[in-house]
PDB file of N, CA and C in Angstrom:
ATOM      1  N   MET A   1     153.785 153.528  40.366  1.00  0.00           N
ATOM      2  CA  MET A   1     155.146 153.905  40.542  1.00  0.00           C
ATOM      3  C   MET A   1     154.831 152.421  40.951  1.00  0.00           C
ATOM      4  N   ALA A   2     155.928 151.557  40.492  1.00  0.00           N
ATOM      5  CA  ALA A   2     156.683 150.197  40.477  1.00  0.00           C
ATOM      6  C   ALA A   2     156.579 149.905  41.840  1.00  0.00           C
ATOM      7  N   GLU A   3     155.482 148.892  42.533  1.00  0.00           N
ATOM      8  CA  GLU A   3     156.078 147.856  43.878  1.00  0.00           C
ATOM      9  C   GLU A   3     157.471 148.159  43.995  1.00  0.00           C
ATOM     10  N   ARG A   4     158.022 148.383  44.807  1.00  0.00           N
ATOM     11  CA  ARG A   4     159.632 147.756  45.647  1.00  0.00           C
ATOM     12  C   ARG A   4     159.524 146.322  45.573  1.00  0.00           C
ATOM     13  N   VAL A   5     160.938 145.823  45.055  1.00  0.00           N
ATOM     14  CA  VAL A   5     160.677 144.395  44.888  1.00  0.00           C
ATOM     15  C   VAL A   5     161.670 144.396  46.816  1.00  0.00           C
ATOM     16  N   THR A   6     160.790 142.993  47.070  1.00  0.00           N
ATOM     17  CA  THR A   6     162.083 142.465  48.727  1.00  0.00           C
ATOM     18  C   THR A   6     161.654 141.373  49.062  1.00  0.00           C
ATOM     19  N   GLY A   7     162.243 140.730  50.121  1.00  0.00           N
ATOM     20  CA  GLY A   7     162.432 139.175  50.045  1.00  0.00           C
ATOM     21  C   GLY A   7     161.270 138.710  51.052  1.00  0.00           C
ATOM     22  N   ARG A   8     160.163 139.980  51.480  1.00  0.00           N
ATOM     23  CA  ARG A   8     158.836 139.215  52.164  1.00  0.00           C
ATOM     24  C   ARG A   8     158.232 139.555  51.263  1.00  0.00           C
ATOM     25  N   ARG A   9     158.342 140.330  50.396  1.00  0.00           N
ATOM     26  CA  ARG A   9     157.019 140.212  49.142  1.00  0.00           C
ATOM     27  C   ARG A   9     157.319 139.024  48.548  1.00  0.00           C
ATOM     28  N   LEU A  10     158.416 139.080  48.204  1.00  0.00           N
ATOM     29  CA  LEU A  10     158.344 137.692  47.636  1.00  0.00           C
ATOM     30  C   LEU A  10     158.391 136.571  47.681  1.00  0.00           C
ATOM     31  N   ASN A  11     158.445 135.509  49.187  1.00  0.00           N
ATOM     32  CA  ASN A  11     158.372 135.082  50.380  1.00  0.00           C
ATOM     33  C   ASN A  11     156.750 134.314  50.026  1.00  0.00           C
ATOM     34  N   ALA A  12     155.812 135.501  50.174  1.00  0.00           N
ATOM     35  CA  ALA A  12     154.787 135.916  50.051  1.00  0.00           C
ATOM     36  C   ALA A  12     154.354 135.402  49.409  1.00  0.00           C
ATOM     37  N   ARG A  13     154.530 136.323  47.397  1.00  0.00           N
ATOM     38  CA  ARG A  13     153.592 135.623  46.572  1.00  0.00           C
ATOM     39  C   ARG A  13     154.402 134.635  46.257  1.00  0.00           C
ATOM     40  N   TRP A  14     155.484 133.603  46.300  1.00  0.00           N
ATOM     41  CA  TRP A  14     156.122 131.805  45.544  1.00  0.00           C
ATOM     42  C   TRP A  14     155.311 131.463  47.104  1.00  0.00           C
ATOM     43  N   GLY A  15     155.333 132.092  48.274  1.00  0.00           N
ATOM     44  CA  GLY A  15     154.290 130.992  48.927  1.00  0.00           C
ATOM     45  C   GLY A  15     155.716 129.670  49.841  1.00  0.00           C
ATOM     46  N   VAL A  16     157.128 130.538  49.652  1.00  0.00           N
ATOM     47  CA  VAL A  16     157.882 130.169  49.926  1.00  0.00           C
ATOM     48  C   VAL A  16     158.019 129.515  51.760  1.00  0.00           C
ATOM     49  N   ARG A  17     157.443 130.321  52.426  1.00  0.00           N
ATOM     50  CA  ARG A  17     157.205 129.872  53.864  1.00  0.00           C
ATOM     51  C   ARG A  17     157.949 130.548  55.028  1.00  0.00           C
ATOM     52  N   ALA A  18     159.452 130.836  54.427  1.00  0.00           N
ATOM     53  CA  ALA A  18     161.193 131.326  55.014  1.00  0.00           C
ATOM     54  C   ALA A  18     160.379 132.061  55.810  1.00  0.00           C
ATOM     55  N   LEU A  19     160.799 132.176  57.534  1.00  0.00           N
ATOM     56  CA  LEU A  19     160.817 132.702  58.882  1.00  0.00           C
ATOM     57  C   LEU A  19     161.336 134.179  58.460  1.00  0.00           C
ATOM     58  N   HIS A  20     162.778 134.143  57.572  1.00  0.00           N
ATOM     59  CA  HIS A  20     163.546 135.072  57.585  1.00  0.00           C
ATOM     60  C   HIS A  20     163.361 135.290  55.492  1.00  0.00           C
ATOM     61  N   ALA A  21     163.259 136.415  54.929  1.00  0.00           N
ATOM     62  CA  ALA A  21     163.620 136.342  53.599  1.00  0.00           C
ATOM     63  C   ALA A  21     164.403 137.329  53.146  1.00  0.00           C
ATOM     64  N   LEU A  22     165.253 137.422  52.074  1.00  0.00           N
ATOM     65  CA  LEU A  22     165.773 137.960  52.396  1.00  0.00           C
ATOM     66  C   LEU A  22     166.345 138.942  50.350  1.00  0.00           C
ATOM     67  N   TYR A  23     166.337 139.809  49.670  1.00  0.00           N
ATOM     68  CA  TYR A  23     166.359 139.756  48.620  1.00  0.00           C
ATOM     69  C   TYR A  23     167.244 140.784  47.976  1.00  0.00           C
ATOM     70  N   HIS A  24     168.197 140.292  47.144  1.00  0.00           N
ATOM     71  CA  HIS A  24     169.183 141.071  46.451  1.00  0.00           C
ATOM     72  C   HIS A  24     168.800 141.034  44.807  1.00  0.00           C
ATOM     73  N   GLN A  25     168.514 141.466  43.819  1.00  0.00           N
ATOM     74  CA  GLN A  25     168.470 141.632  42.442  1.00  0.00           C
ATOM     75  C   GLN A  25     169.625 140.778  41.919  1.00  0.00           C
ATOM     76  N   ASP A  26     170.790 140.795  42.490  1.00  0.00           N
ATOM     77  CA  ASP A  26     171.885 139.567  41.083  1.00  0.00           C
ATOM     78  C   ASP A  26     171.921 138.329  42.334  1.00  0.00           C
ATOM     79  N   GLY A  27     171.604 138.105  43.311  1.00  0.00           N
ATOM     80  CA  GLY A  27     172.036 137.521  44.235  1.00  0.00           C
ATOM     81  C   GLY A  27     172.834 137.149  44.883  1.00  0.00           C
ATOM     82  N   THR A  28     173.719 138.299  44.809  1.00  0.00           N
ATOM     83  CA  THR A  28     174.975 138.431  45.214  1.00  0.00           C
ATOM     84  C   THR A  28     175.773 138.123  46.530  1.00  0.00           C
ATOM     85  N   TRP A  29     175.121 139.550  46.800  1.00  0.00           N
ATOM     86  CA  TRP A  29     175.139 140.180  48.537  1.00  0.00           C
ATOM     87  C   TRP A  29     173.726 140.118  49.878  1.00  0.00           C
ATOM     88  N   TYR A  30     173.949 139.778  50.033  1.00  0.00           N
ATOM     89  CA  TYR A  30     172.566 139.921  51.155  1.00  0.00           C
ATOM     90  C   TYR A  30     173.236 140.037  52.794  1.00  0.00           C
ATOM     91  N   HIS A  31     172.386 139.807  54.110  1.00  0.00           N
ATOM     92  CA  HIS A  31     172.715 139.952  55.427  1.00  0.00           C
ATOM     93  C   HIS A  31     172.551 138.775  55.572  1.00  0.00           C
ATOM     94  N   VAL A  32     172.956 138.512  56.492  1.00  0.00           N
ATOM     95  CA  VAL A  32     173.126 136.868  56.952  1.00  0.00           C
ATOM     96  C   VAL A  32     171.625 136.659  57.976  1.00  0.00           C
ATOM     97  N   LEU A  33     171.030 136.182  57.667  1.00  0.00           N
ATOM     98  CA  LEU A  33     169.845 135.248  58.108  1.00  0.00           C
ATOM     99  C   LEU A  33     169.553 135.017  58.883  1.00  0.00           C
ATOM    100  N   LYS A  34     169.278 135.020  60.376  1.00  0.00           N
ATOM    101  CA  LYS A  34     168.443 135.177  61.508  1.00  0.00           C
ATOM    102  C   LYS A  34     167.961 133.742  61.501  1.00  0.00           C
ATOM    103  N   ARG A  35     166.615 133.435  61.353  1.00  0.00           N
ATOM    104  CA  ARG A  35     165.604 132.956  61.119  1.00  0.00           C
ATOM    105  C   ARG A  35     165.464 131.990  60.159  1.00  0.00           C
ATOM    106  N   PHE A  36     165.416 131.147  60.756  1.00  0.00           N
ATOM    107  CA  PHE A  36     165.554 129.576  59.687  1.00  0.00           C
ATOM    108  C   PHE A  36     164.045 128.859  60.002  1.00  0.00           C
ATOM    109  N   PRO A  37     163.218 128.233  59.139  1.00  0.00           N
ATOM    110  CA  PRO A  37     163.883 128.153  57.550  1.00  0.00           C
ATOM    111  C   PRO A  37     164.139 129.552  57.239  1.00  0.00           C
ATOM    112  N   GLY A  38     165.194 129.830  56.618  1.00  0.00           N
ATOM    113  CA  GLY A  38     165.057 131.533  55.957  1.00  0.00           C
ATOM    114  C   GLY A  38     165.393 131.228  53.740  1.00  0.00           C
ATOM    115  N   ALA A  39     164.564 132.318  53.713  1.00  0.00           N
ATOM    116  CA  ALA A  39     165.001 132.343  52.330  1.00  0.00           C
ATOM    117  C   ALA A  39     166.080 133.095  51.929  1.00  0.00           C
ATOM    118  N   LEU A  40     167.367 133.098  50.769  1.00  0.00           N
ATOM    119  CA  LEU A  40     167.629 134.320  49.600  1.00  0.00           C
ATOM    120  C   LEU A  40     166.903 134.021  48.261  1.00  0.00           C
ATOM    121  N   PHE A  41     166.362 135.496  47.873  1.00  0.00           N
ATOM    122  CA  PHE A  41     166.195 135.647  46.880  1.00  0.00           C
ATOM    123  C   PHE A  41     166.543 135.833  45.710  1.00  0.00           C
ATOM    124  N   ASP A  42     166.795 136.039  44.483  1.00  0.00           N
ATOM    125  CA  ASP A  42     166.775 137.168  43.503  1.00  0.00           C
ATOM    126  C   ASP A  42     165.665 137.485  42.576  1.00  0.00           C
ATOM    127  N   ALA A  43     166.050 138.198  41.182  1.00  0.00           N
ATOM    128  CA  ALA A  43     165.664 138.247  40.446  1.00  0.00           C
ATOM    129  C   ALA A  43     164.590 137.458  39.248  1.00  0.00           C
ATOM    130  N   HIS A  44     164.965 136.173  39.533  1.00  0.00           N
ATOM    131  CA  HIS A  44     164.489 134.856  39.007  1.00  0.00           C
ATOM    132  C   HIS A  44     163.897 133.427  40.485  1.00  0.00           C
ATOM    133  N   GLY A  45     164.069 133.533  41.578  1.00  0.00           N
ATOM    134  CA  GLY A  45     164.550 132.576  41.864  1.00  0.00           C
ATOM    135  C   GLY A  45     164.851 132.775  42.863  1.00  0.00           C
ATOM    136  N   TYR A  46     164.848 131.050  44.005  1.00  0.00           N
ATOM    137  CA  TYR A  46     165.409 131.762  45.985  1.00  0.00           C
ATOM    138  C   TYR A  46     166.086 130.243  46.017  1.00  0.00           C
ATOM    139  N   ILE A  47     166.797 130.582  47.376  1.00  0.00           N
ATOM    140  CA  ILE A  47     167.360 128.785  47.753  1.00  0.00           C
ATOM    141  C   ILE A  47     166.518 129.484  48.653  1.00  0.00           C
ATOM    142  N   LEU A  48     166.890 128.226  49.529  1.00  0.00           N
ATOM    143  CA  LEU A  48     165.763 127.739  50.614  1.00  0.00           C
ATOM    144  C   LEU A  48     166.634 126.974  52.523  1.00  0.00           C
ATOM    145  N   PHE A  49     167.089 127.874  53.274  1.00  0.00           N
ATOM    146  CA  PHE A  49     167.893 127.551  54.318  1.00  0.00           C
ATOM    147  C   PHE A  49     167.103 127.299  55.186  1.00  0.00           C
ATOM    148  N   GLU A  50     167.678 125.933  55.745  1.00  0.00           N
ATOM    149  CA  GLU A  50     166.561 124.379  57.228  1.00  0.00           C
ATOM    150  C   GLU A  50     167.088 125.712  58.127  1.00  0.00           C
ATOM    151  N   ASP A  51     168.748 125.441  57.888  1.00  0.00           N
ATOM    152  CA  ASP A  51     169.217 126.250  59.437  1.00  0.00           C
ATOM    153  C   ASP A  51     169.881 126.834  59.660  1.00  0.00           C
ATOM    154  N   ARG A  52     170.845 126.896  59.719  1.00  0.00           N
ATOM    155  CA  ARG A  52     171.993 127.954  59.831  1.00  0.00           C
ATOM    156  C   ARG A  52     173.652 127.241  60.073  1.00  0.00           C
ATOM    157  N   PRO A  53     173.625 126.001  60.298  1.00  0.00           N
ATOM    158  CA  PRO A  53     175.066 125.151  59.141  1.00  0.00           C
ATOM    159  C   PRO A  53     174.693 125.078  58.043  1.00  0.00           C
ATOM    160  N   ALA A  54     173.480 124.600  57.509  1.00  0.00           N
ATOM    161  CA  ALA A  54     173.232 124.576  55.500  1.00  0.00           C
ATOM    162  C   ALA A  54     173.335 125.890  54.873  1.00  0.00           C
ATOM    163  N   LEU A  55     172.882 126.782  55.850  1.00  0.00           N
ATOM    164  CA  LEU A  55     173.643 128.288  54.947  1.00  0.00           C
ATOM    165  C   LEU A  55     175.107 128.829  55.116  1.00  0.00           C
ATOM    166  N   LEU A  56     175.453 128.398  56.499  1.00  0.00           N
ATOM    167  CA  LEU A  56     177.754 128.249  56.636  1.00  0.00           C
ATOM    168  C   LEU A  56     178.146 127.232  55.644  1.00  0.00           C
ATOM    169  N   SER A  57     177.082 126.609  55.161  1.00  0.00           N
ATOM    170  CA  SER A  57     178.185 125.063  54.723  1.00  0.00           C
ATOM    171  C   SER A  57     177.768 125.715  52.906  1.00  0.00           C
ATOM    172  N   SER A  58     176.989 126.161  52.375  1.00  0.00           N
ATOM    173  CA  SER A  58     177.252 126.170  50.748  1.00  0.00           C
ATOM    174  C   SER A  58     178.875 127.023  50.276  1.00  0.00           C
ATOM    175  N   ALA A  59     178.497 126.468  49.585  1.00  0.00           N
ATOM    176  CA  ALA A  59     179.933 126.581  48.820  1.00  0.00           C
ATOM    177  C   ALA A  59     180.286 127.847  47.669  1.00  0.00           C
ATOM    178  N   GLY A  60     181.191 128.243  47.323  1.00  0.00           N
ATOM    179  CA  GLY A  60     181.498 129.367  47.183  1.00  0.00           C
ATOM    180  C   GLY A  60     181.035 130.990  47.919  1.00  0.00           C
ATOM    181  N   MET A  61     180.909 130.682  49.203  1.00  0.00           N
ATOM    182  CA  MET A  61     180.269 131.070  50.662  1.00  0.00           C
ATOM    183  C   MET A  61     181.448 132.037  50.946  1.00  0.00           C
ATOM    184  N   THR A  62     180.836 133.909  50.612  1.00  0.00           N
ATOM    185  CA  THR A  62     181.893 134.606  51.911  1.00  0.00           C
ATOM    186  C   THR A  62     181.637 135.599  53.185  1.00  0.00           C
ATOM    187  N   ILE A  63     182.634 134.594  53.960  1.00  0.00           N
ATOM    188  CA  ILE A  63     181.018 135.641  55.202  1.00  0.00           C
ATOM    189  C   ILE A  63     182.504 137.089  55.199  1.00  0.00           C
ATOM    190  N   GLY A  64     181.258 138.353  55.543  1.00  0.00           N
ATOM    191  CA  GLY A  64     181.494 139.987  56.028  1.00  0.00           C
ATOM    192  C   GLY A  64     183.054 139.739  57.799  1.00  0.00           C
ATOM    193  N   GLU A  65     183.855 140.348  57.582  1.00  0.00           N
ATOM    194  CA  GLU A  65     184.410 140.322  59.089  1.00  0.00           C
ATOM    195  C   GLU A  65     183.184 140.832  60.007  1.00  0.00           C
ATOM    196  N   ASP A  66     182.694 141.415  60.064  1.00  0.00           N
ATOM    197  CA  ASP A  66     182.116 142.238  61.127  1.00  0.00           C
ATOM    198  C   ASP A  66     180.803 140.362  61.528  1.00  0.00           C
ATOM    199  N   LYS A  67     181.513 139.625  60.222  1.00  0.00           N
ATOM    200  CA  LYS A  67     179.286 138.754  60.369  1.00  0.00           C
ATOM    201  C   LYS A  67     178.347 139.279  59.577  1.00  0.00           C
ATOM    202  N   ASN A  68     177.756 140.424  59.185  1.00  0.00           N
ATOM    203  CA  ASN A  68     177.204 140.494  59.502  1.00  0.00           C
ATOM    204  C   ASN A  68     176.135 141.012  57.349  1.00  0.00           C
ATOM    205  N   TRP A  69     177.040 140.234  57.133  1.00  0.00           N
ATOM    206  CA  TRP A  69     176.848 140.317  55.561  1.00  0.00           C
ATOM    207  C   TRP A  69     177.284 138.737  54.880  1.00  0.00           C
ATOM    208  N   ILE A  70     176.942 138.083  54.053  1.00  0.00           N
ATOM    209  CA  ILE A  70     177.471 137.526  53.203  1.00  0.00           C
ATOM    210  C   ILE A  70     176.886 137.410  51.525  1.00  0.00           C
ATOM    211  N   ASN A  71     178.368 136.790  51.045  1.00  0.00           N
ATOM    212  CA  ASN A  71     178.333 137.223  49.727  1.00  0.00           C
ATOM    213  C   ASN A  71     178.869 136.076  49.105  1.00  0.00           C
ATOM    214  N   PHE A  72     178.054 136.028  47.092  1.00  0.00           N
ATOM    215  CA  PHE A  72     178.206 134.720  46.624  1.00  0.00           C
ATOM    216  C   PHE A  72     178.391 135.175  45.060  1.00  0.00           C
ATOM    217  N   PRO A  73     179.456 135.577  45.448  1.00  0.00           N
ATOM    218  CA  PRO A  73     180.257 135.892  44.408  1.00  0.00           C
ATOM    219  C   PRO A  73     179.445 135.598  42.472  1.00  0.00           C
ATOM    220  N   LEU A  74     179.453 134.053  42.655  1.00  0.00           N
ATOM    221  CA  LEU A  74     178.589 133.699  41.487  1.00  0.00           C
ATOM    222  C   LEU A  74     177.157 133.702  41.282  1.00  0.00           C
ATOM    223  N   GLY A  75     176.112 134.156  42.206  1.00  0.00           N
ATOM    224  CA  GLY A  75     175.262 134.569  42.187  1.00  0.00           C
ATOM    225  C   GLY A  75     174.522 132.901  43.195  1.00  0.00           C
ATOM    226  N   ILE A  76     173.316 133.394  43.764  1.00  0.00           N
ATOM    227  CA  ILE A  76     173.214 132.012  44.195  1.00  0.00           C
ATOM    228  C   ILE A  76     171.929 130.951  43.288  1.00  0.00           C
ATOM    229  N   SER A  77     171.942 131.432  41.711  1.00  0.00           N
ATOM    230  CA  SER A  77     171.642 130.557  41.735  1.00  0.00           C
ATOM    231  C   SER A  77     171.679 129.835  41.002  1.00  0.00           C
ATOM    232  N   GLY A  78     173.310 129.331  40.885  1.00  0.00           N
ATOM    233  CA  GLY A  78     174.250 127.625  41.033  1.00  0.00           C
ATOM    234  C   GLY A  78     174.154 126.858  42.295  1.00  0.00           C
ATOM    235  N   LEU A  79     173.917 127.502  42.923  1.00  0.00           N
ATOM    236  CA  LEU A  79     173.933 126.957  44.165  1.00  0.00           C
ATOM    237  C   LEU A  79     172.719 125.111  44.624  1.00  0.00           C
ATOM    238  N   ALA A  80     173.292 124.262  44.658  1.00  0.00           N
ATOM    239  CA  ALA A  80     172.475 123.070  44.471  1.00  0.00           C
ATOM    240  C   ALA A  80     170.680 124.418  45.035  1.00  0.00           C
ATOM    241  N   GLY A  81     169.329 123.126  45.295  1.00  0.00           N
ATOM    242  CA  GLY A  81     168.526 123.303  45.441  1.00  0.00           C
ATOM    243  C   GLY A  81     167.875 124.790  45.729  1.00  0.00           C
ATOM    244  N   TYR A  82     168.292 126.043  44.725  1.00  0.00           N
ATOM    245  CA  TYR A  82     167.852 127.346  43.860  1.00  0.00           C
ATOM    246  C   TYR A  82     166.611 127.079  43.097  1.00  0.00           C
ATOM    247  N   VAL A  83     166.063 127.331  43.429  1.00  0.00           N
ATOM    248  CA  VAL A  83     164.950 127.143  42.832  1.00  0.00           C
ATOM    249  C   VAL A  83     164.009 128.324  41.434  1.00  0.00           C
ATOM    250  N   LYS A  84     164.490 127.947  40.474  1.00  0.00           N
ATOM    251  CA  LYS A  84     164.009 129.042  39.991  1.00  0.00           C
ATOM    252  C   LYS A  84     162.665 129.424  38.961  1.00  0.00           C
ATOM    253  N   VAL A  85     161.680 130.796  39.951  1.00  0.00           N
ATOM    254  CA  VAL A  85     160.056 130.534  39.716  1.00  0.00           C
ATOM    255  C   VAL A  85     160.092 131.835  38.161  1.00  0.00           C
ATOM    256  N   LEU A  86     159.522 131.515  37.508  1.00  0.00           N
ATOM    257  CA  LEU A  86     158.866 131.962  36.465  1.00  0.00           C
ATOM    258  C   LEU A  86     157.829 133.091  36.001  1.00  0.00           C
TER     259      LEU A  86
END
């Protein structure tokens, strides 16, 4: 049985050192990061945010009405600072 992919596991495997790490395969939908530095992961890489203002100022992001989720319709891979992991 394959190991389930999670932000926590990728954070450790790739040595990102984020305090809060979230994963979405397509890189489009996440809960809001609560601890920083925080990282959002997709199947091919990640983006690290040093603080909440850096996250909230991301281009192309939508915050859910209940403010518990964020959406990047084009994915996180197009954001400045995205790190592709091969």
